[in-house]
Amino acid sequence: MLYLIVNILLQYSLNKKAAQNITLIAYAILKAKSLFMRQIALYLPTDGLKQSKVNRVWRFFHKLKLSDLRCYKAFVNFIL
């Protein structure tokens, strides 16, 4: 399922790493019980230490810069 969403996001001229990060974070947000970074990090479907997952969530929200927000619209339409 996650690969399907990544492929849909790739159609909107987004690089593969950004598409994977958007998909993983969105999946974790949907599964998390709250919107705290540590809670979201618990549900990231990746291997690694808990602190590494927290860092990944932090970097996503604080450093991700996309000039075109069409990929977010496509993702929201697909999920909803």
C-alpha atoms as a PDB file:
ATOM      1  CA  MET A   1       0.000   0.000   0.000  1.00  0.00           C
ATOM      2  CA  LEU A   2       2.767   2.411   0.878  1.00  0.00           C
ATOM      3  CA  TYR A   3       4.487   1.775  -2.449  1.00  0.00           C
ATOM      4  CA  LEU A   4       1.269   2.590  -4.279  1.00  0.00           C
ATOM      5  CA  ILE A   5       1.058   5.971  -2.561  1.00  0.00           C
ATOM      6  CA  VAL A   6       4.725   6.677  -3.321  1.00  0.00           C
ATOM      7  CA  ASN A   7       4.111   5.913  -7.000  1.00  0.00           C
ATOM      8  CA  ILE A   8       1.141   8.268  -7.072  1.00  0.00           C
ATOM      9  CA  LEU A   9       3.236  11.052  -5.538  1.00  0.00           C
ATOM     10  CA  LEU A  10       6.027  10.431  -8.053  1.00  0.00           C
ATOM     11  CA  GLN A  11       3.596  11.348 -10.826  1.00  0.00           C
ATOM     12  CA  TYR A  12       3.570  14.894  -9.442  1.00  0.00           C
ATOM     13  CA  SER A  13       7.269  15.475 -10.185  1.00  0.00           C
ATOM     14  CA  LEU A  14       8.410  14.835  -6.634  1.00  0.00           C
ATOM     15  CA  ASN A  15      11.688  13.073  -5.986  1.00  0.00           C
ATOM     16  CA  LYS A  16      11.524   9.539  -4.608  1.00  0.00           C
ATOM     17  CA  LYS A  17      13.013  10.255  -1.166  1.00  0.00           C
ATOM     18  CA  ALA A  18      10.556  13.095  -0.482  1.00  0.00           C
ATOM     19  CA  ALA A  19       7.642  10.930  -1.644  1.00  0.00           C
ATOM     20  CA  GLN A  20       8.734   8.110   0.667  1.00  0.00           C
ATOM     21  CA  ASN A  21       9.077  10.470   3.624  1.00  0.00           C
ATOM     22  CA  ILE A  22       5.652  12.024   3.033  1.00  0.00           C
ATOM     23  CA  THR A  23       4.101   8.570   2.824  1.00  0.00           C
ATOM     24  CA  LEU A  24       5.807   7.207   5.941  1.00  0.00           C
ATOM     25  CA  ILE A  25       4.998  10.258   8.051  1.00  0.00           C
ATOM     26  CA  ALA A  26       1.383  10.328   6.866  1.00  0.00           C
ATOM     27  CA  TYR A  27       1.006   6.620   7.676  1.00  0.00           C
ATOM     28  CA  ALA A  28       2.446   7.171  11.139  1.00  0.00           C
ATOM     29  CA  ILE A  29       0.142  10.147  11.763  1.00  0.00           C
ATOM     30  CA  LEU A  30      -2.893   8.079  10.797  1.00  0.00           C
ATOM     31  CA  LYS A  31      -1.871   5.298  13.208  1.00  0.00           C
ATOM     32  CA  ALA A  32      -0.711   7.507  16.096  1.00  0.00           C
ATOM     33  CA  LYS A  33      -2.980   8.255  19.022  1.00  0.00           C
ATOM     34  CA  SER A  34      -1.752  11.832  19.298  1.00  0.00           C
ATOM     35  CA  LEU A  35       0.287  14.294  17.268  1.00  0.00           C
ATOM     36  CA  PHE A  36       3.377  14.331  19.453  1.00  0.00           C
ATOM     37  CA  MET A  37       6.635  13.610  17.644  1.00  0.00           C
ATOM     38  CA  ARG A  38       7.493  10.638  19.844  1.00  0.00           C
ATOM     39  CA  GLN A  39       4.040   9.148  19.349  1.00  0.00           C
ATOM     40  CA  ILE A  40       4.296   9.543  15.570  1.00  0.00           C
ATOM     41  CA  ALA A  41       7.800   8.036  15.642  1.00  0.00           C
ATOM     42  CA  LEU A  42       6.470   4.884  17.332  1.00  0.00           C
ATOM     43  CA  TYR A  43       4.404   4.094  14.251  1.00  0.00           C
ATOM     44  CA  LEU A  44       7.004   4.751  11.552  1.00  0.00           C
ATOM     45  CA  PRO A  45       7.300   1.495   9.603  1.00  0.00           C
ATOM     46  CA  THR A  46      11.096   1.603   9.454  1.00  0.00           C
ATOM     47  CA  ASP A  47      13.885  -0.161  11.277  1.00  0.00           C
ATOM     48  CA  GLY A  48      16.038   1.822  13.611  1.00  0.00           C
ATOM     49  CA  LEU A  49      16.349   3.355  17.019  1.00  0.00           C
ATOM     50  CA  LYS A  50      13.508   5.314  18.540  1.00  0.00           C
ATOM     51  CA  GLN A  51      15.589   8.501  18.602  1.00  0.00           C
ATOM     52  CA  SER A  52      16.397   8.087  14.908  1.00  0.00           C
ATOM     53  CA  LYS A  53      12.702   7.909  14.141  1.00  0.00           C
ATOM     54  CA  VAL A  54      12.024  11.013  16.233  1.00  0.00           C
ATOM     55  CA  ASN A  55      14.794  12.829  14.374  1.00  0.00           C
ATOM     56  CA  ARG A  56      13.266  11.814  11.065  1.00  0.00           C
ATOM     57  CA  VAL A  57       9.875  13.216  12.079  1.00  0.00           C
ATOM     58  CA  TRP A  58      11.509  16.420  13.314  1.00  0.00           C
ATOM     59  CA  ARG A  59      13.458  16.886  10.090  1.00  0.00           C
ATOM     60  CA  PHE A  60      10.341  16.268   8.044  1.00  0.00           C
ATOM     61  CA  PHE A  61       8.348  18.999   9.730  1.00  0.00           C
ATOM     62  CA  HIS A  62      11.146  21.511  10.241  1.00  0.00           C
ATOM     63  CA  LYS A  63      13.337  21.181   7.168  1.00  0.00           C
ATOM     64  CA  LEU A  64      11.167  19.906   4.335  1.00  0.00           C
ATOM     65  CA  LYS A  65      10.738  22.598   1.718  1.00  0.00           C
ATOM     66  CA  LEU A  66       8.651  21.913  -1.334  1.00  0.00           C
ATOM     67  CA  SER A  67       8.085  24.615  -3.895  1.00  0.00           C
ATOM     68  CA  ASP A  68       5.023  22.898  -5.296  1.00  0.00           C
ATOM     69  CA  LEU A  69       2.254  21.745  -2.975  1.00  0.00           C
ATOM     70  CA  ARG A  70       0.386  19.749  -5.629  1.00  0.00           C
ATOM     71  CA  CYS A  71       1.780  16.536  -4.167  1.00  0.00           C
ATOM     72  CA  TYR A  72       0.074  17.253  -0.833  1.00  0.00           C
ATOM     73  CA  LYS A  73      -3.250  17.869  -2.573  1.00  0.00           C
ATOM     74  CA  ALA A  74      -2.922  14.590  -4.450  1.00  0.00           C
ATOM     75  CA  PHE A  75      -2.076  12.726  -1.272  1.00  0.00           C
ATOM     76  CA  VAL A  76      -4.991  14.203   0.674  1.00  0.00           C
ATOM     77  CA  ASN A  77      -7.409  13.420  -2.159  1.00  0.00           C
ATOM     78  CA  PHE A  78      -6.157   9.838  -2.297  1.00  0.00           C
ATOM     79  CA  ILE A  79      -6.453   9.290   1.465  1.00  0.00           C
ATOM     80  CA  LEU A  80      -9.828  10.949   1.888  1.00  0.00           C
END
